[in-house]
């Protein structure tokens, strides 16, 4: 956290049990679209479903920097 930042500005930290590393489950199509940096649209959701069907979770890694 930056020096002088007010703790209330950021809110409460996310509990560890809520965080996912990606290995526990296949990402949702919405996750894939958001990882690509685009807005969620029906066309992009369909593309994401296709990517997950073809490549599984490894397909998401192609979208990440």
Protein backbone atom coordinates (compact mmCIF):
# COMPACT_ATOMS: atom_id res chain seq x y z
CA UNK A 1 0.00 0.00 0.00
CA UNK A 2 1.37 3.44 -0.82
CA UNK A 3 2.69 5.53 2.05
CA UNK A 4 0.09 7.75 3.61
CA UNK A 5 -2.80 5.87 1.98
CA UNK A 6 -5.87 5.68 4.17
CA UNK A 7 -6.78 2.05 5.00
CA UNK A 8 -10.49 2.89 4.59
CA UNK A 9 -9.84 4.02 1.02
CA UNK A 10 -9.08 0.43 0.00
CA UNK A 11 -11.65 -1.28 2.23
CA UNK A 12 -11.18 -4.64 3.87
CA UNK A 13 -8.75 -7.12 2.30
CA UNK A 14 -10.23 -10.09 0.46
CA UNK A 15 -10.17 -13.23 2.63
CA UNK A 16 -7.80 -15.92 1.37
CA UNK A 17 -10.61 -18.48 1.11
CA UNK A 18 -12.26 -16.31 -1.56
CA UNK A 19 -9.15 -15.94 -3.73
CA UNK A 20 -8.51 -18.45 -6.52
CA UNK A 21 -5.31 -19.31 -8.31
CA UNK A 22 -7.06 -20.69 -11.36
CA UNK A 23 -6.11 -24.30 -10.78
CA UNK A 24 -9.18 -25.18 -8.73
CA UNK A 25 -11.71 -24.69 -11.52
CA UNK A 26 -12.01 -23.83 -15.18
CA UNK A 27 -12.44 -20.07 -15.67
CA UNK A 28 -15.86 -18.80 -16.66
CA UNK A 29 -16.31 -17.24 -20.11
CA UNK A 30 -16.80 -13.91 -18.32
CA UNK A 31 -13.37 -14.33 -16.69
CA UNK A 32 -11.82 -14.94 -20.10
CA UNK A 33 -13.37 -11.82 -21.61
CA UNK A 34 -12.29 -9.67 -18.67
CA UNK A 35 -8.77 -11.13 -18.79
CA UNK A 36 -8.61 -10.06 -22.42
CA UNK A 37 -9.27 -6.48 -21.36
CA UNK A 38 -12.55 -6.18 -23.27
CA UNK A 39 -16.12 -5.47 -22.28
CA UNK A 40 -18.45 -8.44 -21.96
CA UNK A 41 -20.65 -8.82 -25.04
CA UNK A 42 -22.60 -11.83 -26.33
CA UNK A 43 -20.12 -12.25 -29.21
CA UNK A 44 -17.08 -12.16 -26.91
CA UNK A 45 -18.73 -14.58 -24.48
CA UNK A 46 -19.27 -17.03 -27.34
CA UNK A 47 -15.64 -16.63 -28.42
CA UNK A 48 -14.56 -17.25 -24.83
CA UNK A 49 -16.71 -20.40 -24.59
CA UNK A 50 -15.15 -21.66 -27.79
CA UNK A 51 -11.64 -20.94 -26.49
CA UNK A 52 -12.35 -22.79 -23.23
CA UNK A 53 -13.86 -25.75 -25.10
CA UNK A 54 -10.85 -25.99 -27.42
CA UNK A 55 -7.96 -25.19 -25.07
CA UNK A 56 -9.28 -25.28 -21.52
CA UNK A 57 -7.68 -23.10 -18.88
CA UNK A 58 -4.45 -22.90 -20.93
CA UNK A 59 -6.32 -20.73 -23.43
CA UNK A 60 -6.67 -17.99 -20.84
CA UNK A 61 -2.91 -17.82 -20.40
CA UNK A 62 -2.62 -16.68 -24.03
CA UNK A 63 -4.60 -13.57 -23.09
CA UNK A 64 -2.56 -12.63 -20.04
CA UNK A 65 0.56 -10.48 -20.28
